[in-house]
Protein backbone atom coordinates (compact mmCIF):
# COMPACT_ATOMS: atom_id res chain seq x y z
CA MET A 1 112.88 56.51 42.24
CA THR A 2 110.34 53.31 43.02
CA ILE A 3 106.52 53.95 42.98
CA ARG A 4 106.84 53.12 47.33
CA LYS A 5 109.36 55.71 48.15
CA MET A 6 107.44 57.97 45.02
CA ALA A 7 103.91 57.16 47.73
CA LEU A 8 106.72 57.58 50.52
CA GLY A 9 107.67 60.92 49.90
CA LEU A 10 103.98 63.05 49.27
CA PHE A 11 102.73 61.22 52.81
CA ILE A 12 105.41 63.06 54.20
CA LYS A 13 104.68 66.06 52.18
CA ALA A 14 101.21 65.78 52.64
CA ILE A 15 101.97 65.61 56.94
CA VAL A 16 104.26 68.72 57.66
CA ALA A 17 102.09 70.70 54.65
CA SER A 18 98.99 70.03 56.82
CA THR A 19 101.49 71.18 60.01
CA ALA A 20 102.61 74.12 58.17
CA LEU A 21 98.32 75.39 57.13
CA GLN A 22 98.01 74.63 61.62
CA THR A 23 100.75 76.34 62.69
CA GLN A 24 99.96 79.26 60.55
CA ALA A 25 96.71 79.62 61.27
CA VAL A 26 97.78 79.40 65.23
CA PHE A 27 100.73 81.58 65.73
CA ALA A 28 99.29 85.21 63.81
CA GLY A 29 99.85 88.36 66.22
CA GLY A 30 102.73 88.97 68.32
CA VAL A 31 105.88 86.96 69.85
CA SER A 32 105.97 87.21 73.11
CA PRO A 33 105.67 84.06 75.22
CA ARG A 34 102.51 82.96 76.99
CA PHE A 35 100.51 80.11 78.07
CA GLU A 36 97.27 78.81 77.94
CA LYS A 37 95.28 76.49 79.31
CA ALA A 38 94.07 73.51 76.30
CA GLU A 39 93.39 70.40 76.30
CA CYS A 40 95.50 67.49 76.39
CA ALA A 41 97.36 67.12 73.18
CA ILE A 42 97.07 63.23 74.00
CA ALA A 43 94.27 60.86 75.46
CA VAL A 44 94.79 60.67 79.56
CA LEU A 45 92.26 58.42 81.05
CA PRO A 46 89.17 59.72 83.17
CA GLY A 47 89.96 60.58 86.15
CA GLU A 48 93.49 62.09 86.34
CA ARG A 49 94.10 65.31 87.72
CA ILE A 50 95.88 66.18 84.64
CA ASP A 51 95.93 70.03 83.62
CA CYS A 52 97.48 71.04 79.73
CA GLY A 53 98.12 74.07 78.43
CA LEU A 54 99.79 75.32 75.81
CA LEU A 55 102.94 77.27 75.99
CA TYR A 56 104.19 79.79 72.48
CA VAL A 57 107.06 80.95 72.38
CA PRO A 58 109.36 82.30 69.57
CA GLU A 59 110.78 79.64 66.49
CA ASN A 60 114.15 81.46 66.79
CA ARG A 61 114.41 84.52 69.54
CA GLN A 62 117.41 85.57 66.91
CA ASN A 63 115.28 86.69 64.80
CA ALA A 64 113.23 89.75 65.88
CA ARG A 65 110.35 88.62 62.68
CA SER A 66 109.55 85.15 64.53
CA ARG A 67 106.60 83.68 64.75
CA LEU A 68 105.21 81.34 67.26
CA ILE A 69 105.08 77.86 67.80
CA ARG A 70 102.94 75.61 69.98
CA LEU A 71 104.44 73.29 71.93
CA PRO A 72 102.14 70.42 74.91
CA VAL A 73 102.55 71.36 78.12
CA MET A 74 101.16 68.56 80.83
CA ILE A 75 101.20 68.67 84.80
CA PHE A 76 100.35 66.18 86.98
CA ARG A 77 99.24 66.77 90.23
CA SER A 78 100.71 65.01 93.44
CA THR A 79 98.60 63.35 95.59
CA ALA A 80 99.64 65.39 98.76
CA SER A 81 97.50 67.44 100.76
CA THR A 82 100.48 69.91 100.58
CA PRO A 83 102.53 69.36 97.27
CA ALA A 84 105.60 70.90 97.79
CA PRO A 85 106.60 74.26 96.00
CA ASP A 86 109.15 73.02 93.32
CA PRO A 87 107.61 70.64 91.14
CA VAL A 88 109.42 68.14 89.20
CA VAL A 89 109.84 67.96 85.15
CA TYR A 90 111.69 65.43 83.21
CA LEU A 91 113.87 66.05 80.19
CA PRO A 92 113.64 63.07 77.64
CA GLY A 93 116.43 61.27 75.68
CA GLY A 94 117.15 61.94 72.53
CA PRO A 95 117.75 63.89 71.17
CA GLY A 96 114.03 63.45 69.51
CA LEU A 97 112.15 61.62 71.79
CA SER A 98 108.83 62.80 73.04
CA SER A 99 108.43 64.34 76.56
CA ILE A 100 104.16 63.08 76.75
CA ASP A 101 103.97 60.26 74.20
CA GLY A 102 102.20 57.71 76.22
CA ARG A 103 101.49 59.56 79.46
CA THR A 104 98.57 58.84 79.63
CA THR A 105 98.11 58.50 83.31
CA GLY A 106 99.44 59.57 87.07
CA LYS A 107 98.77 56.26 89.01
CA GLY A 108 102.12 54.74 90.52
CA ASN A 109 104.14 57.86 89.53
CA PRO A 110 106.13 58.36 92.85
CA PHE A 111 106.41 61.42 92.25
CA LEU A 112 103.28 62.94 92.84
CA LEU A 113 103.41 61.31 96.24
CA GLU A 114 105.29 64.98 97.19
CA ARG A 115 104.75 67.27 94.32
CA ASP A 116 103.09 68.17 91.05
CA GLN A 117 105.53 66.92 87.40
CA ILE A 118 105.18 69.12 84.66
CA LEU A 119 106.21 67.46 81.08
CA LEU A 120 106.88 69.77 78.76
CA GLU A 121 106.77 68.54 74.97
CA GLY A 122 110.01 69.87 73.17
CA ARG A 123 110.78 72.69 70.27
CA GLY A 124 109.73 69.92 66.99
CA ASN A 125 108.70 67.25 68.74
CA LYS A 126 105.99 64.95 68.07
CA PHE A 127 103.56 66.36 69.41
CA ALA A 128 104.37 70.21 68.49
CA SER A 129 103.53 72.65 65.85
CA PRO A 130 105.45 72.50 63.72
CA SER A 131 106.70 68.80 64.40
CA LEU A 132 109.97 68.08 62.40
CA ALA A 133 109.52 64.73 61.61
CA CYS A 134 111.31 62.76 59.53
CA PRO A 135 109.62 59.59 58.55
CA GLU A 136 111.96 58.56 55.94
CA ILE A 137 115.19 58.44 57.51
CA ASN A 138 113.70 56.24 60.56
CA VAL A 139 112.84 53.41 58.15
CA LEU A 140 116.09 54.31 55.90
CA ARG A 141 117.83 53.97 59.38
CA ALA A 142 115.89 50.47 60.38
CA GLN A 143 116.57 49.07 56.38
CA ARG A 144 120.96 50.10 57.95
CA ALA A 145 120.18 51.74 54.20
CA THR A 146 123.78 53.56 52.76
CA ALA A 147 124.60 56.77 54.24
CA ALA A 148 124.33 58.67 51.02
CA ALA A 149 120.30 57.35 51.17
CA GLN A 150 120.11 58.93 54.85
CA ALA A 151 121.61 62.02 53.77
CA ALA A 152 119.91 62.50 50.22
CA ALA A 153 116.58 61.56 52.78
CA ALA A 154 117.64 64.42 55.31
CA ALA A 155 117.79 66.72 51.80
CA ARG A 156 114.40 65.80 51.00
CA CYS A 157 113.57 66.38 54.54
CA ARG A 158 114.68 70.09 55.25
CA ALA A 159 113.56 71.27 51.66
CA THR A 160 109.93 70.28 52.86
CA LEU A 161 110.24 71.63 56.10
CA VAL A 162 111.97 74.97 54.32
CA ALA A 163 109.25 75.50 51.82
CA SER A 164 106.19 75.29 55.14
CA GLY A 165 108.18 77.76 56.57
CA VAL A 166 109.64 76.07 59.74
CA ASP A 167 113.37 78.00 60.53
CA LEU A 168 115.39 75.43 61.73
CA ASP A 169 118.28 77.34 62.91
CA GLY A 170 115.54 77.37 66.14
CA TYR A 171 115.79 74.46 67.40
CA THR A 172 118.61 73.62 69.67
CA SER A 173 118.90 73.16 73.20
CA ALA A 174 119.40 76.78 74.01
CA GLU A 175 115.83 77.79 72.66
CA ALA A 176 114.83 74.39 74.72
CA ALA A 177 116.42 75.60 77.56
CA ASP A 178 114.96 79.28 77.29
CA ASP A 179 111.55 77.61 76.93
CA LEU A 180 111.26 75.39 80.08
CA ASP A 181 112.50 79.03 81.94
CA ASP A 182 109.66 80.75 79.37
CA LEU A 183 107.23 78.06 81.23
CA ARG A 184 108.33 77.88 84.71
CA ARG A 185 108.04 81.82 85.05
CA LEU A 186 104.55 81.48 83.03
CA LEU A 187 103.37 79.24 85.78
CA GLY A 188 104.19 80.84 88.45
CA ILE A 189 107.32 78.29 89.82
CA GLU A 190 110.12 80.31 91.57
CA GLN A 191 112.07 77.12 91.25
CA TRP A 192 111.87 73.80 90.00
CA ASN A 193 113.83 70.28 89.88
CA LEU A 194 115.01 68.97 86.65
CA ILE A 195 115.80 64.74 85.72
CA GLY A 196 117.31 64.48 82.86
CA TYR A 197 117.76 61.21 81.10
CA SER A 198 120.99 60.92 78.62
CA TYR A 199 120.43 64.04 76.31
CA GLY A 200 118.12 65.05 78.56
CA THR A 201 121.03 65.99 80.93
CA ARG A 202 122.74 67.85 78.27
CA LEU A 203 119.37 69.92 77.64
CA ALA A 204 119.65 70.12 82.12
CA GLN A 205 123.22 71.15 81.87
CA THR A 206 122.29 74.17 78.88
CA VAL A 207 119.29 74.87 81.79
CA LEU A 208 121.92 75.63 84.36
CA GLN A 209 124.34 77.66 82.13
CA ARG A 210 121.64 79.56 80.99
CA HIS A 211 118.87 79.98 84.03
CA PRO A 212 120.65 78.84 86.90
CA GLU A 213 118.29 80.65 89.31
CA GLY A 214 115.44 78.75 88.02
CA ILE A 215 116.22 75.62 89.80
CA ARG A 216 116.50 73.64 93.22
CA SER A 217 118.42 71.02 91.88
CA VAL A 218 118.96 67.71 88.93
CA VAL A 219 119.21 64.40 88.92
CA LEU A 220 121.16 63.89 85.47
CA ASP A 221 120.99 60.25 84.89
CA SER A 222 123.01 58.20 81.60
CA VAL A 223 125.18 61.88 81.32
CA LEU A 224 126.26 63.12 77.68
CA PRO A 225 128.72 66.25 79.47
CA VAL A 226 128.18 69.74 77.55
CA ASP A 227 132.12 69.58 76.30
CA VAL A 228 132.50 66.13 75.60
CA ASN A 229 132.22 65.40 71.55
CA TYR A 230 129.72 62.20 71.39
CA ASP A 231 131.44 60.82 67.82
CA GLU A 232 134.46 60.54 68.75
CA ALA A 233 134.03 57.90 71.30
CA ALA A 234 131.22 56.28 70.72
CA GLY A 235 132.91 52.91 69.01
CA SER A 236 134.62 53.39 72.27
CA SER A 237 132.46 53.39 74.91
CA LEU A 238 130.85 50.63 73.21
CA ARG A 239 134.08 48.94 73.28
CA ARG A 240 134.16 49.82 77.29
CA ALA A 241 130.43 48.15 78.07
CA ILE A 242 131.62 45.02 76.11
CA ASP A 243 134.42 44.69 78.13
CA ALA A 244 132.84 44.99 81.64
CA LEU A 245 130.67 42.70 79.92
CA LEU A 246 133.96 40.19 79.07
CA ASP A 247 135.41 41.08 82.34
CA GLY A 248 132.49 40.42 84.27
CA CYS A 249 132.00 36.92 83.45
CA ALA A 250 135.33 35.79 83.19
CA ASN A 251 135.37 37.03 87.03
CA ASP A 252 132.34 35.09 88.11
CA PRO A 253 133.21 31.91 89.63
CA GLU A 254 130.84 30.25 87.10
CA CYS A 255 130.07 32.23 84.58
CA GLY A 256 134.48 32.23 83.91
CA VAL A 257 134.79 28.44 84.54
CA ARG A 258 132.14 27.90 81.79
CA TYR A 259 132.70 30.26 79.53
CA PRO A 260 136.79 30.33 79.87
CA ASP A 261 137.74 31.69 77.23
CA LEU A 262 134.62 33.51 76.19
CA ARG A 263 137.02 37.10 75.08
CA ALA A 264 138.49 35.00 72.40
CA ARG A 265 135.30 33.68 71.44
CA PHE A 266 133.79 37.05 71.07
CA ALA A 267 137.06 38.15 68.90
CA THR A 268 137.05 34.79 66.64
CA LEU A 269 133.14 35.40 66.36
CA ILE A 270 133.25 38.68 64.72
CA ALA A 271 137.00 38.62 62.59
CA ASP A 272 134.97 34.73 61.23
CA ALA A 273 131.64 37.26 60.72
CA ASP A 274 133.28 40.01 59.08
CA ARG A 275 135.44 37.59 56.86
CA ASN A 276 132.81 35.17 55.91
CA GLY A 277 129.39 36.54 56.90
CA VAL A 278 127.37 34.09 59.57
CA ALA A 279 124.15 32.86 58.11
CA ALA A 280 120.99 33.50 59.04
CA PRO A 281 117.49 33.68 58.59
CA ASN A 282 117.33 37.65 57.90
CA GLY A 283 120.09 37.53 55.91
CA ILE A 284 123.96 37.53 56.35
CA LEU A 285 125.51 38.98 59.31
CA ARG A 286 128.58 40.08 59.53
CA GLY A 287 130.42 41.47 62.88
CA ARG A 288 129.07 44.78 62.62
CA ASP A 289 125.40 43.19 63.02
CA ILE A 290 126.71 41.03 65.97
CA VAL A 291 128.13 43.71 67.90
CA GLU A 292 125.56 46.05 67.61
CA ALA A 293 123.01 42.90 68.60
CA ILE A 294 125.42 42.66 71.96
CA GLY A 295 125.15 46.17 72.12
CA THR A 296 121.46 45.96 72.02
CA GLY A 297 121.52 43.81 74.83
CA LEU A 298 123.87 45.69 77.13
CA GLN A 299 121.03 48.63 76.70
CA GLN A 300 118.44 45.76 78.51
CA PRO A 301 119.76 45.07 81.77
CA ALA A 302 117.14 41.93 81.83
CA ALA A 303 118.66 40.78 79.33
CA ILE A 304 122.49 40.78 79.63
CA PRO A 305 122.66 38.14 81.85
CA ALA A 306 122.29 36.05 79.51
CA LEU A 307 124.44 37.50 76.96
CA PRO A 308 127.86 35.57 77.72
CA GLN A 309 125.82 32.61 76.93
CA VAL A 310 124.67 34.29 73.47
CA ILE A 311 128.06 35.27 72.44
CA ASN A 312 129.27 31.02 73.24
CA ASP A 313 126.30 29.68 71.48
CA ALA A 314 127.45 32.12 67.98
CA SER A 315 130.51 31.96 68.51
CA ARG A 316 129.12 27.68 67.76
CA GLY A 317 127.05 28.29 65.31
CA LYS A 318 123.87 28.60 67.49
CA LEU A 319 122.14 31.64 66.66
CA ALA A 320 118.72 31.11 69.07
CA GLY A 321 119.41 33.77 71.55
CA LEU A 322 121.92 36.12 69.43
CA LEU A 323 118.72 36.72 66.44
CA PRO A 324 116.13 38.43 68.39
CA LEU A 325 119.04 41.14 69.32
CA THR A 326 119.00 41.71 65.62
CA GLN A 327 115.68 42.78 64.68
CA GLN A 328 115.90 46.51 63.17
CA VAL A 329 112.68 48.18 63.65
CA PRO A 330 112.28 52.19 62.94
CA SER A 331 112.90 54.25 65.54
CA SER A 332 111.18 56.95 67.25
CA PHE A 333 113.21 59.42 67.07
CA ASN A 334 112.13 62.50 65.98
CA TRP A 335 115.18 62.63 63.46
CA GLY A 336 114.27 66.67 61.81
CA LEU A 337 115.13 68.31 65.61
CA ARG A 338 117.41 65.62 66.53
CA LEU A 339 119.20 66.72 62.39
CA SER A 340 118.75 69.96 63.95
CA ILE A 341 120.37 69.54 67.47
CA TRP A 342 123.26 67.81 66.49
CA CYS A 343 124.90 69.42 63.98
CA SER A 344 124.08 72.52 65.04
CA GLU A 345 126.28 71.56 69.01
CA GLU A 346 128.06 67.99 68.17
CA MET A 347 128.84 68.08 64.91
CA PRO A 348 130.85 71.30 64.33
CA PHE A 349 133.39 70.48 67.57
CA GLU A 350 133.97 66.87 66.46
CA SER A 351 137.00 65.89 64.54
CA ARG A 352 136.23 63.72 61.44
CA SER A 353 139.49 61.75 62.04
CA ARG A 354 138.71 61.07 65.19
CA MET A 355 135.03 60.52 64.61
CA ASP A 356 136.03 57.84 61.96
CA SER A 357 138.37 55.92 64.69
CA GLN A 358 135.70 55.10 66.26
CA MET A 359 135.03 52.63 62.88
CA SER A 360 138.57 51.37 62.87
CA LYS A 361 138.31 47.44 62.75
CA GLU A 362 140.74 47.40 65.72
CA LEU A 363 138.06 48.28 67.80
CA GLY A 364 137.53 44.41 67.95
CA LEU A 365 133.39 45.92 66.53
CA GLY A 366 133.53 44.69 63.15
CA GLY A 367 133.06 48.91 62.17
CA MET A 368 130.08 49.51 63.56
CA ASP A 369 129.02 52.93 63.06
CA ASN A 370 127.59 54.40 66.54
CA ARG A 371 127.89 57.20 65.72
CA THR A 372 124.25 59.37 66.52
CA VAL A 373 124.40 61.32 63.32
CA ASP A 374 126.47 61.02 59.65
CA PRO A 375 128.61 63.72 59.40
CA GLU A 376 127.16 64.10 55.20
CA MET A 377 123.57 63.73 56.80
CA CYS A 378 124.64 67.09 58.27
CA ALA A 379 126.01 68.73 55.43
CA ALA A 380 122.56 68.21 53.62
CA TRP A 381 121.30 69.34 56.95
CA ARG A 382 122.60 72.59 56.88
CA VAL A 383 122.05 74.63 60.05
CA ALA A 384 124.19 77.30 61.37
CA PRO A 385 126.72 76.09 64.44
CA ALA A 386 126.11 77.00 67.85
CA ASP A 387 127.97 79.28 70.07
CA ALA A 388 131.42 78.21 70.79
CA LYS A 389 129.06 77.98 74.78
CA ALA A 390 127.88 75.22 73.35
CA ASN A 391 130.59 72.52 73.86
CA GLU A 392 132.13 74.49 76.68
CA ALA A 393 132.33 72.67 80.17
CA LEU A 394 129.40 73.57 83.26
CA LYS A 395 129.83 75.36 86.18
CA SER A 396 127.40 75.37 88.40
CA ASP A 397 126.79 74.79 92.77
CA VAL A 398 123.55 73.48 92.56
CA PRO A 399 122.71 70.65 93.84
CA ALA A 400 123.55 67.57 91.83
CA LEU A 401 122.64 63.43 91.71
CA ILE A 402 124.47 61.80 88.74
CA LEU A 403 123.79 58.62 88.59
CA ALA A 404 125.45 56.23 85.66
CA GLY A 405 125.05 52.08 85.02
CA GLU A 406 127.91 49.46 84.71
CA PHE A 407 127.54 48.85 81.18
CA ASP A 408 125.77 51.71 79.83
CA PRO A 409 127.60 51.16 76.45
CA VAL A 410 126.40 54.68 74.96
CA THR A 411 127.43 57.43 78.37
CA PRO A 412 129.82 55.09 80.12
CA PRO A 413 130.23 55.86 83.78
CA ALA A 414 132.71 58.11 83.38
CA TRP A 415 131.34 60.61 81.76
CA GLY A 416 129.05 61.45 84.92
CA ARG A 417 132.70 61.30 86.96
CA ARG A 418 133.46 64.27 85.31
CA LEU A 419 130.99 66.92 86.27
CA LEU A 420 132.05 66.11 89.67
CA ARG A 421 135.13 68.64 89.19
CA THR A 422 133.43 71.81 88.02
CA MET A 423 129.72 70.86 89.85
CA PRO A 424 130.93 70.92 93.74
CA ASN A 425 127.42 70.21 95.21
CA ALA A 426 127.25 66.82 92.83
CA ARG A 427 127.62 63.69 94.13
CA PHE A 428 127.78 60.37 91.93
CA ALA A 429 126.44 57.05 91.87
CA GLN A 430 127.39 53.71 89.46
CA VAL A 431 124.27 51.07 89.71
CA PRO A 432 125.23 47.97 89.44
CA GLY A 433 123.55 46.22 86.78
CA GLN A 434 122.56 48.62 85.24
CA SER A 435 122.69 50.27 81.94
CA HIS A 436 121.84 53.42 79.83
CA GLY A 437 119.02 54.72 82.39
CA ALA A 438 120.33 53.89 85.87
CA MET A 439 117.15 55.13 87.28
CA PHE A 440 114.66 52.93 86.29
CA ASN A 441 115.10 49.88 88.92
CA ARG A 442 114.11 50.02 92.25
CA CYS A 443 117.73 51.36 94.22
CA GLY A 444 118.04 53.95 91.64
CA GLY A 445 114.36 55.28 91.95
CA GLN A 446 114.63 55.34 95.89
CA MET A 447 117.90 57.30 95.40
CA THR A 448 116.53 59.51 93.30
CA LEU A 449 113.48 60.53 95.56
CA ALA A 450 115.29 60.73 98.61
CA PHE A 451 117.36 63.40 97.27
CA LEU A 452 114.66 65.19 95.99
CA HIS A 453 113.19 65.73 99.38
CA ASP A 454 116.11 67.02 100.31
CA PRO A 455 118.67 67.96 98.09
CA SER A 456 120.84 69.38 100.68
CA ALA A 457 121.01 65.39 102.56
CA SER A 458 123.71 63.22 102.74
CA LEU A 459 123.49 60.62 99.73
CA ASN A 460 122.30 57.54 101.24
CA GLY A 461 123.39 54.40 98.81
CA ASP A 462 122.78 51.92 100.99
CA CYS A 463 120.64 49.73 98.58
CA LEU A 464 123.35 49.97 96.00
CA GLY A 465 125.83 47.45 98.46
CA LYS A 466 122.80 45.64 98.76
CA LEU A 467 122.51 44.93 94.96
CA PRO A 468 123.84 40.93 93.67
CA GLY A 469 125.16 42.53 90.87
CA VAL A 470 124.62 40.45 87.15
CA ALA A 471 123.91 36.57 88.13
CA PHE A 472 124.84 35.27 84.95
CA THR A 473 122.96 32.41 83.42
CA ALA A 474 123.44 29.29 83.39
CA GLY A 475 124.10 27.36 80.08
CA ASN A 476 125.87 24.15 78.58
């Protein structure tokens, strides 16, 4: 072990040990859920109408002797003279992304024009106590470390967390759904509206399964259906988005003429990179590195118009447009929480052979591994598998707005349409030119606000027809 790795390990243990001491001090006493007003977990700007508090809930409701854990809450107050009685709750992606990180102000928040917005930091996340952070894994992922190295890091983080008293089996979507319902009842709210993004849509579906009585409506953006085994389709989902890009260029009068053989150039670029490598300032690029870079670009709507030129230029040895997309920085995912959820609720229901097929060179993706978690990491994390209900399709008549982005390489639009089979009061909209996070643009935002105002009204998609789609960048 290098001195750097030893130092990192000691740093992680120090953080976890400190968190454990704080948790033991805070959670002495009973185990009944409660809410208490408290200072905000993050520093908010002066003059903000934000009320904060802490939700105390059992770490594992299946264990009668479970301790309480502490989850920060932020309530952004509406600017309306008479706010609607049903707040909106935002559920972020991941799993493992904070709900409250960076939420220092309510200014510019369109939801507040009509109702309050409530944010609950998910159990195990960055500002929760305890937090299941495993920073070594974030570093190794950015370095594209081997699966064995990442599994070993997961085993080390698990051992440290368990030694501090953490019950990893308590960190599931079902427990998080119960946390949300506990908070709703403790705040005296009859019903509220959920907005889920990416993994947040899966959590919203779990809330609908367990506590439908508390939900007025849901907005599901970039849907991960409960009954879809993500890792069995991870490569195919990326391939679909790349094909949508290539088809979009071919069908565009200017792009198609400028790059008439773009699909063949892309295939040759990936094959040549696999065979010989592509020399770059940051090392040798293989096919999977180039595919990952294009996948990164596909998640950035502003970058999509230039991707045909990026592919064409790279095939001619010009890497200026590609290189910025290859830069790797450590993610902000809370990997302990990510592993506890994924290894309990997804991996036990997934087929190893079908997962392996998603890394086949036959997909034309250079063997890129687009899975959320490697099975070896789950083997090292060792959490109990979820009940089979965690993999059953949602059935709900709660009004729902389902949004999807045309070029989403993570959660394809077909997954959103899938929910229409078992959600009779759901409406679906695919937003042209958008990607993962179809709500985060003017048209998606307008439809979301109109739906929240009256979930029973007909969906007005006029803005969809006015969107120009992708205007591909002109190049040489």
